[in-house]
N, C-alpha and C. Protein backbone atom coordinates (compact mmCIF):
# COMPACT_ATOMS: atom_id res chain seq x y z
N MET A 1 -84.51 -2.74 46.52
CA MET A 1 -83.87 -2.86 47.27
C MET A 1 -84.16 -2.44 48.65
N THR A 2 -83.92 -2.97 49.74
CA THR A 2 -84.29 -2.95 50.99
C THR A 2 -83.17 -2.55 51.84
N ILE A 3 -83.46 -1.26 52.73
CA ILE A 3 -82.60 -0.65 53.44
C ILE A 3 -83.43 -0.51 54.56
N PRO A 4 -82.22 -1.17 55.54
CA PRO A 4 -82.58 -1.74 56.63
C PRO A 4 -82.45 -0.11 57.76
N VAL A 5 -83.71 -0.04 58.53
CA VAL A 5 -83.69 1.57 59.43
C VAL A 5 -83.82 0.60 61.07
N GLU A 6 -83.15 1.74 61.86
CA GLU A 6 -82.85 1.33 63.12
C GLU A 6 -84.26 2.29 63.74
N ALA A 7 -85.01 1.89 64.59
CA ALA A 7 -85.80 2.31 65.13
C ALA A 7 -85.63 3.63 66.11
N THR A 8 -84.69 3.17 66.71
CA THR A 8 -84.31 4.17 68.10
C THR A 8 -83.19 4.96 67.35
N THR A 9 -83.37 6.34 67.28
CA THR A 9 -82.36 7.01 66.90
C THR A 9 -81.53 8.28 68.63
N GLY A 10 -80.59 8.78 68.03
CA GLY A 10 -80.64 9.86 69.10
C GLY A 10 -79.80 11.35 68.41
N VAL A 11 -80.09 12.30 69.42
CA VAL A 11 -79.38 13.76 69.03
C VAL A 11 -77.98 13.52 69.32
N ASN A 12 -76.99 14.09 67.85
CA ASN A 12 -75.87 14.12 68.40
C ASN A 12 -75.76 15.57 68.42
N ALA A 13 -75.60 16.04 69.99
CA ALA A 13 -75.41 17.59 70.49
C ALA A 13 -74.04 18.46 69.40
N LEU A 14 -74.41 19.01 68.20
CA LEU A 14 -73.68 19.78 67.80
C LEU A 14 -74.27 21.23 67.85
N ASP A 15 -73.89 22.05 68.24
CA ASP A 15 -74.32 23.53 68.65
C ASP A 15 -73.04 24.57 67.60
N PRO A 16 -73.87 25.10 66.45
CA PRO A 16 -73.02 26.08 65.44
C PRO A 16 -72.66 27.34 66.99
N ASP A 17 -73.49 27.60 67.33
CA ASP A 17 -73.04 28.65 68.07
C ASP A 17 -72.32 28.68 69.60
N ASN A 18 -72.32 27.63 70.03
CA ASN A 18 -71.55 27.02 71.34
C ASN A 18 -70.33 25.58 70.58
N PRO A 19 -69.32 25.96 70.00
CA PRO A 19 -68.76 24.92 69.29
C PRO A 19 -67.86 24.42 70.89
N GLY A 20 -67.68 24.85 71.87
CA GLY A 20 -67.42 24.29 72.64
C GLY A 20 -67.94 23.01 73.27
N PHE A 21 -68.90 22.92 72.88
CA PHE A 21 -69.83 21.54 73.48
C PHE A 21 -70.14 20.64 72.45
N ASN A 22 -69.75 20.81 71.32
CA ASN A 22 -69.97 19.91 69.91
C ASN A 22 -69.59 18.93 70.41
N GLY A 23 -70.13 17.63 70.07
CA GLY A 23 -69.83 15.92 70.49
C GLY A 23 -69.53 15.94 71.65
N LEU A 24 -69.82 16.60 72.73
CA LEU A 24 -69.52 16.44 73.94
C LEU A 24 -70.35 15.38 74.53
N PHE A 25 -71.49 15.58 74.21
CA PHE A 25 -72.84 14.23 75.07
C PHE A 25 -73.86 14.32 73.44
N THR A 26 -74.99 12.95 73.68
CA THR A 26 -75.64 12.32 72.86
C THR A 26 -76.71 11.99 73.92
N LEU A 27 -78.07 12.59 73.28
CA LEU A 27 -79.31 12.15 73.89
C LEU A 27 -80.08 10.94 72.94
N TYR A 28 -80.71 10.32 73.74
CA TYR A 28 -81.22 8.67 72.82
C TYR A 28 -82.25 8.40 73.95
N PRO A 29 -82.98 7.91 73.42
CA PRO A 29 -83.22 7.59 72.19
C PRO A 29 -84.40 9.03 71.83
N ASN A 30 -84.84 8.84 70.46
CA ASN A 30 -85.62 10.11 69.96
C ASN A 30 -86.57 9.82 69.01
N PRO A 31 -87.46 9.95 69.31
CA PRO A 31 -88.22 10.28 70.32
C PRO A 31 -88.51 9.73 71.50
N VAL A 32 -88.59 10.43 72.90
CA VAL A 32 -88.38 9.76 74.24
C VAL A 32 -89.71 9.02 74.72
N GLU A 33 -89.87 8.15 74.74
CA GLU A 33 -91.10 7.59 75.56
C GLU A 33 -91.29 7.36 77.09
N ASP A 34 -90.49 6.88 77.81
CA ASP A 34 -90.13 7.06 79.40
C ASP A 34 -88.86 7.56 80.00
N TYR A 35 -87.55 7.00 79.36
CA TYR A 35 -86.38 7.55 79.75
C TYR A 35 -85.90 8.14 78.59
N LEU A 36 -84.78 9.27 78.94
CA LEU A 36 -84.03 9.99 77.97
C LEU A 36 -82.56 9.64 78.87
N PHE A 37 -81.64 9.19 77.66
CA PHE A 37 -80.48 8.88 78.38
C PHE A 37 -79.34 10.25 77.45
N LEU A 38 -78.55 10.59 78.54
CA LEU A 38 -77.70 11.75 78.39
C LEU A 38 -76.62 11.08 78.59
N ALA A 39 -76.01 10.89 77.24
CA ALA A 39 -74.20 10.25 77.52
C ALA A 39 -73.50 11.40 77.03
N PHE A 40 -72.36 11.45 78.04
CA PHE A 40 -71.55 12.34 77.90
C PHE A 40 -69.96 11.93 77.28
N HIS A 41 -69.34 12.43 76.74
CA HIS A 41 -68.02 12.01 75.66
C HIS A 41 -66.90 13.50 76.33
N LEU A 42 -66.41 13.40 77.34
CA LEU A 42 -65.37 14.29 77.88
C LEU A 42 -64.72 13.76 77.63
N ASP A 43 -63.28 14.57 77.54
CA ASP A 43 -61.84 14.80 77.95
C ASP A 43 -61.66 14.29 79.61
N GLN A 44 -62.42 14.86 80.47
CA GLN A 44 -61.88 15.19 81.31
C GLN A 44 -63.21 15.52 82.63
N PRO A 45 -63.04 14.87 83.57
CA PRO A 45 -64.63 15.73 84.32
C PRO A 45 -64.80 16.73 84.87
N GLY A 46 -65.92 17.04 84.40
CA GLY A 46 -66.38 18.66 84.54
C GLY A 46 -68.02 19.04 85.36
N ASP A 47 -68.24 20.12 86.17
CA ASP A 47 -69.13 20.36 86.63
C ASP A 47 -70.21 20.72 85.83
N TYR A 48 -71.34 20.32 85.73
CA TYR A 48 -72.10 20.75 84.78
C TYR A 48 -73.50 21.13 85.69
N ILE A 49 -74.49 21.77 85.18
CA ILE A 49 -75.82 22.05 85.29
C ILE A 49 -76.94 21.40 84.36
N ILE A 50 -77.68 20.38 84.86
CA ILE A 50 -78.37 19.80 83.85
C ILE A 50 -80.03 20.25 84.17
N ARG A 51 -80.41 20.45 82.90
CA ARG A 51 -82.34 21.21 82.88
C ARG A 51 -83.24 20.88 82.08
N ILE A 52 -84.21 20.69 82.61
CA ILE A 52 -85.09 20.48 81.27
C ILE A 52 -86.23 21.50 81.82
N THR A 53 -86.74 22.11 80.53
CA THR A 53 -87.84 22.91 80.52
C THR A 53 -88.96 22.61 79.66
N ASP A 54 -90.04 23.03 79.98
CA ASP A 54 -91.01 23.22 78.59
C ASP A 54 -90.85 24.15 78.05
N VAL A 55 -92.13 24.32 76.88
CA VAL A 55 -91.88 25.19 75.84
C VAL A 55 -91.93 26.53 76.46
N LEU A 56 -92.65 26.95 77.35
CA LEU A 56 -93.09 27.91 78.34
C LEU A 56 -91.67 28.53 78.83
N GLY A 57 -90.83 27.67 79.21
CA GLY A 57 -88.98 27.81 79.73
C GLY A 57 -89.56 27.65 81.23
N ARG A 58 -90.51 26.56 81.81
CA ARG A 58 -90.85 26.32 83.10
C ARG A 58 -89.84 25.48 83.41
N ASP A 59 -89.09 25.31 84.43
CA ASP A 59 -88.23 24.42 84.99
C ASP A 59 -89.05 22.60 85.64
N LEU A 60 -88.76 22.15 84.58
CA LEU A 60 -89.51 20.68 84.97
C LEU A 60 -88.56 20.07 85.63
N LEU A 61 -87.06 20.12 85.50
CA LEU A 61 -86.19 18.91 86.01
C LEU A 61 -84.81 19.95 86.09
N ILE A 62 -84.08 19.66 87.42
CA ILE A 62 -82.81 20.22 87.36
C ILE A 62 -81.78 19.51 88.30
N LEU A 63 -80.75 19.12 87.44
CA LEU A 63 -79.85 18.61 88.55
C LEU A 63 -78.81 19.76 88.44
N ASP A 64 -78.24 20.10 89.85
CA ASP A 64 -77.74 21.14 89.95
C ASP A 64 -76.03 20.80 90.52
N GLN A 65 -75.07 21.49 89.59
CA GLN A 65 -73.72 21.19 89.90
C GLN A 65 -73.67 19.81 90.00
N ARG A 66 -73.74 19.12 88.97
CA ARG A 66 -73.05 17.58 89.08
C ARG A 66 -71.98 17.42 88.34
N THR A 67 -71.10 16.67 88.90
CA THR A 67 -69.65 16.41 88.23
C THR A 67 -69.51 15.38 87.38
N ILE A 68 -69.73 15.59 86.37
CA ILE A 68 -69.75 14.60 85.04
C ILE A 68 -68.47 13.85 84.98
N GLN A 69 -68.35 12.35 84.76
CA GLN A 69 -67.01 11.81 84.45
C GLN A 69 -67.19 11.61 83.04
N PRO A 70 -66.30 11.59 82.64
CA PRO A 70 -65.75 11.19 80.93
C PRO A 70 -66.67 9.69 80.72
N GLU A 71 -67.23 9.50 79.65
CA GLU A 71 -68.01 8.66 79.07
C GLU A 71 -69.27 7.99 80.11
N GLN A 72 -69.76 8.89 80.84
CA GLN A 72 -70.80 8.70 82.03
C GLN A 72 -72.22 8.98 80.78
N VAL A 73 -72.83 8.09 81.54
CA VAL A 73 -74.46 8.15 81.06
C VAL A 73 -75.46 8.19 82.25
N ILE A 74 -76.21 9.42 81.85
CA ILE A 74 -77.31 9.51 83.06
C ILE A 74 -78.77 9.47 82.29
N GLU A 75 -79.56 8.62 83.49
CA GLU A 75 -81.06 8.21 82.72
C GLU A 75 -81.66 9.11 83.39
N LEU A 76 -82.45 9.84 82.59
CA LEU A 76 -83.69 10.86 83.34
C LEU A 76 -84.89 10.17 82.96
N ASN A 77 -86.05 9.92 83.91
CA ASN A 77 -87.13 9.21 84.03
C ASN A 77 -88.20 10.32 83.71
N LEU A 78 -88.36 10.56 82.66
CA LEU A 78 -89.76 11.05 81.97
C LEU A 78 -91.16 10.20 81.78
N SER A 79 -91.45 9.54 82.57
CA SER A 79 -92.58 8.85 82.58
C SER A 79 -93.65 9.54 82.64
N GLU A 80 -93.19 10.20 83.37
CA GLU A 80 -94.88 11.57 83.79
C GLU A 80 -94.95 12.67 82.91
N TYR A 81 -93.99 12.76 82.16
CA TYR A 81 -93.98 14.13 81.04
C TYR A 81 -95.30 13.61 80.28
N ILE A 82 -96.40 14.68 79.68
CA ILE A 82 -97.04 14.31 78.70
C ILE A 82 -96.31 14.50 77.43
N PRO A 83 -96.65 13.95 76.51
CA PRO A 83 -96.51 13.92 75.00
C PRO A 83 -96.17 16.03 74.77
N ALA A 84 -95.30 16.21 74.10
CA ALA A 84 -94.78 17.40 73.85
C ALA A 84 -93.24 17.59 73.91
N PRO A 85 -92.99 18.87 72.93
CA PRO A 85 -91.51 18.93 73.02
C PRO A 85 -90.97 19.77 74.25
N TYR A 86 -89.79 19.11 74.68
CA TYR A 86 -89.27 19.73 75.67
C TYR A 86 -87.74 20.06 75.29
N PHE A 87 -86.94 21.01 76.17
CA PHE A 87 -85.68 21.46 75.96
C PHE A 87 -84.77 20.86 77.22
N LEU A 88 -83.32 20.32 76.65
CA LEU A 88 -82.54 20.01 77.52
C LEU A 88 -81.13 21.04 77.55
N GLN A 89 -80.98 21.57 78.59
CA GLN A 89 -80.41 22.54 78.80
C GLN A 89 -79.10 22.25 79.62
N ILE A 90 -77.78 22.34 79.37
CA ILE A 90 -76.63 21.99 79.79
C ILE A 90 -75.56 23.18 80.02
N GLU A 91 -75.40 23.60 81.24
CA GLU A 91 -74.23 24.73 81.40
C GLU A 91 -73.05 24.01 81.96
N SER A 92 -71.97 24.50 81.82
CA SER A 92 -70.76 24.54 82.17
C SER A 92 -70.75 26.00 82.94
N PRO A 93 -69.24 25.68 83.77
CA PRO A 93 -69.00 27.45 84.64
C PRO A 93 -68.77 28.34 83.65
N ASP A 94 -68.48 27.86 82.29
CA ASP A 94 -68.22 29.49 81.23
C ASP A 94 -69.43 28.95 79.65
N GLN A 95 -69.89 28.19 79.58
CA GLN A 95 -70.80 28.35 78.60
C GLN A 95 -72.33 27.15 78.70
N LYS A 96 -73.20 27.50 78.02
CA LYS A 96 -74.32 26.43 77.95
C LYS A 96 -74.95 26.45 76.49
N THR A 97 -75.94 25.19 76.17
CA THR A 97 -76.30 24.84 75.37
C THR A 97 -77.72 24.30 75.56
N ARG A 98 -78.52 24.20 74.45
CA ARG A 98 -79.51 23.87 74.52
C ARG A 98 -80.17 22.89 73.12
N ARG A 99 -80.94 21.58 73.80
CA ARG A 99 -81.65 20.82 72.63
C ARG A 99 -82.88 21.05 73.16
N CYS A 100 -83.52 20.53 72.01
CA CYS A 100 -85.10 20.19 72.06
C CYS A 100 -85.52 18.50 71.76
N PHE A 101 -86.18 18.08 72.39
CA PHE A 101 -86.43 16.85 72.23
C PHE A 101 -87.99 16.41 72.63
N PRO A 102 -88.20 15.63 72.00
CA PRO A 102 -89.73 15.30 71.62
C PRO A 102 -89.81 14.35 72.90
N VAL A 103 -90.91 14.14 73.60
CA VAL A 103 -91.61 13.10 74.33
C VAL A 103 -92.82 12.18 73.80
N GLN A 104 -92.79 11.30 73.38
CA GLN A 104 -93.54 11.01 72.61
C GLN A 104 -94.76 9.62 73.24
N LYS A 105 -95.91 9.22 73.53
CA LYS A 105 -96.22 7.78 74.15
C LYS A 105 -96.67 6.99 72.85
N ILE A 106 -96.48 5.66 73.36
CA ILE A 106 -96.56 4.83 72.32
C ILE A 106 -98.07 4.03 72.94
N ASP A 107 -98.97 3.85 71.94
CA ASP A 107 -100.08 2.81 73.19
C ASP A 107 -100.09 1.80 72.43
């Protein structure tokens, strides 16, 4: 029996500590090579801060006070990032959540 496997996967953003963010965004592909896509699934537009940090907590990218539209997809260029785990943090005015994602370079 052969089971087809899709090579690119995503990270569905489920956070048991922050249920208000559950299902509101998806990260793909997983792992990331050059571009990370952040797809929002909102009921209405909202203001968010998007931040990428390294494992030491250093800010590498900050998109400050972005108004995000429902079903908006944001493309983040990570082609200069070295292979390593990184964290994506999304903050709204009343809560925040964080996801880990790996950057991997394919030769």
